[in-house]
Amino acid sequence: MSGLRRVTLDTIDHGPVTFDCPAWCVGHGWQVGAGIGRNDISHNSVRVKVIADTYSYGVQTPLRTWMSWAPFVDLVPRVVVDLELQGEYEAEEVSHLAGVLRTAAARLETVAAETIRLRGEDQ
């Protein structure tokens, strides 16, 4: 497995835990000193997002998606999907929103395909 780096985090249930961090992981700074358990340790990739500029609500981010893998819980990386687009929109905005959703679908498929590809490298 190339591109791995070794990381140690202090956990509340297992003390210091050392594990390999895959190349796609953005780091664990957000978990340092957070009072996490071993099962809370997770690798996250960069977040991919879609932005929509709407008349009714201004700039929104209806989609955020990324790879995540809790190596002490999950067998393989998974895809996190944070989808939020709720409200009443002007009829003229709907065509734009539909395009945003098509872009969101394409990005979800890209992240999912990359996750499947990387599963083979990380295992």
Protein backbone atom coordinates (compact mmCIF):
# COMPACT_ATOMS: atom_id res chain seq x y z
CA MET A 1 0.00 0.00 0.00
CA SER A 2 1.79 3.09 -1.18
CA GLY A 3 1.15 6.60 0.09
CA LEU A 4 0.31 5.58 3.65
CA ARG A 5 1.48 7.51 6.68
CA ARG A 6 1.35 6.42 10.29
CA VAL A 7 -0.80 8.45 12.70
CA THR A 8 -1.31 8.17 16.46
CA LEU A 9 -4.38 9.57 18.21
CA ASP A 10 -5.21 9.51 21.91
CA THR A 11 -8.56 7.86 22.55
CA ILE A 12 -10.68 7.80 25.68
CA ASP A 13 -11.22 4.03 25.56
CA HIS A 14 -7.96 2.56 24.17
CA GLY A 15 -5.32 5.20 24.96
CA PRO A 16 -2.93 6.02 22.11
CA VAL A 17 -4.00 4.25 18.90
CA THR A 18 -1.58 4.07 15.96
CA PHE A 19 -2.90 3.36 12.49
CA ASP A 20 -2.04 3.83 8.82
CA CYS A 21 -3.59 6.83 7.13
CA PRO A 22 -4.35 6.42 3.39
CA ALA A 23 -3.04 8.98 0.91
CA TRP A 24 -6.53 10.35 0.21
CA CYS A 25 -7.15 11.28 3.86
CA VAL A 26 -6.96 15.03 4.58
CA GLY A 27 -5.66 14.45 8.10
CA HIS A 28 -6.88 14.05 11.64
CA GLY A 29 -6.27 17.47 13.15
CA TRP A 30 -9.99 17.82 13.80
CA GLN A 31 -9.88 14.67 15.96
CA VAL A 32 -6.85 15.61 18.10
CA GLY A 33 -7.95 16.40 21.64
CA ALA A 34 -11.60 15.82 20.76
CA GLY A 35 -12.19 13.13 23.38
CA ILE A 36 -12.87 10.45 20.78
CA GLY A 37 -13.11 6.71 21.14
CA ARG A 38 -11.20 4.30 18.90
CA ASN A 39 -14.34 3.61 16.85
CA ASP A 40 -14.69 7.36 16.18
CA ILE A 41 -11.40 7.52 14.28
CA SER A 42 -12.21 8.18 10.65
CA HIS A 43 -10.36 9.07 7.49
CA ASN A 44 -12.04 11.74 5.35
CA SER A 45 -11.23 12.87 1.83
CA VAL A 46 -11.60 16.39 0.52
CA ARG A 47 -15.18 17.54 0.33
CA VAL A 48 -16.74 17.91 -3.11
CA LYS A 49 -19.60 20.37 -3.25
CA VAL A 50 -22.13 21.90 -5.58
CA ILE A 51 -23.13 25.54 -5.21
CA ALA A 52 -26.42 27.06 -6.35
CA ASP A 53 -27.00 30.80 -6.68
CA THR A 54 -30.73 31.32 -6.27
CA TYR A 55 -32.97 34.38 -6.35
CA SER A 56 -35.00 33.25 -3.36
CA TYR A 57 -32.23 32.21 -0.95
CA GLY A 58 -28.97 33.54 -2.37
CA VAL A 59 -25.94 31.27 -2.60
CA GLN A 60 -26.58 27.79 -1.22
CA THR A 61 -24.54 24.61 -1.05
CA PRO A 62 -27.13 21.91 -1.68
CA LEU A 63 -24.56 19.08 -1.87
CA ARG A 64 -21.43 18.13 0.01
CA THR A 65 -19.99 14.68 -0.48
CA TRP A 66 -16.75 12.92 0.49
CA MET A 67 -15.21 9.56 1.20
CA SER A 68 -15.06 8.46 4.82
CA TRP A 69 -13.66 5.38 6.44
CA ALA A 70 -13.74 4.47 10.11
CA PRO A 71 -11.14 1.67 9.96
CA PHE A 72 -12.09 0.17 13.33
CA VAL A 73 -15.79 0.02 12.36
CA ASP A 74 -16.13 -0.16 8.57
CA LEU A 75 -14.57 -2.79 6.32
CA VAL A 76 -14.24 -0.36 3.41
CA PRO A 77 -14.51 3.38 2.73
CA ARG A 78 -18.01 4.74 2.27
CA VAL A 79 -19.49 7.87 0.66
CA VAL A 80 -20.96 10.60 2.84
CA VAL A 81 -23.79 12.53 1.20
CA ASP A 82 -24.96 15.80 2.72
CA LEU A 83 -27.85 16.96 0.54
CA GLU A 84 -29.89 20.02 1.45
CA LEU A 85 -32.15 21.87 -0.94
CA GLN A 86 -35.45 22.71 0.62
CA GLY A 87 -37.64 25.73 0.19
CA GLU A 88 -40.09 27.48 -2.04
CA TYR A 89 -38.51 28.74 -5.23
CA GLU A 90 -39.67 30.97 -8.03
CA ALA A 91 -40.75 28.99 -11.08
CA GLU A 92 -38.01 30.72 -13.09
CA GLU A 93 -35.36 29.25 -10.76
CA VAL A 94 -36.38 25.63 -11.20
CA SER A 95 -34.51 25.13 -14.48
CA HIS A 96 -31.31 26.38 -12.83
CA LEU A 97 -31.92 24.17 -9.78
CA ALA A 98 -32.49 21.15 -12.02
CA GLY A 99 -29.10 21.81 -13.62
CA VAL A 100 -27.52 22.08 -10.18
CA LEU A 101 -29.04 18.72 -9.25
CA ARG A 102 -27.69 17.13 -12.45
CA THR A 103 -24.24 18.44 -11.52
CA ALA A 104 -24.72 17.08 -8.01
CA ALA A 105 -25.63 13.65 -9.39
CA ALA A 106 -22.52 13.60 -11.59
CA ARG A 107 -20.29 14.54 -8.65
CA LEU A 108 -21.87 11.88 -6.44
CA GLU A 109 -21.19 9.27 -9.11
CA THR A 110 -17.59 10.45 -9.45
CA VAL A 111 -16.96 10.24 -5.70
CA ALA A 112 -18.59 6.80 -5.55
CA ALA A 113 -16.49 5.50 -8.46
CA GLU A 114 -13.31 6.87 -6.86
CA THR A 115 -14.25 5.26 -3.55
CA ILE A 116 -14.73 1.88 -5.23
CA ARG A 117 -11.40 2.26 -7.07
CA LEU A 118 -9.52 3.21 -3.89
CA ARG A 119 -10.97 0.32 -1.93
CA GLY A 120 -8.74 -1.99 -3.94
CA GLU A 121 -5.63 0.10 -3.22
CA ASP A 122 -6.26 0.58 0.51
CA GLN A 123 -7.14 -2.99 1.40
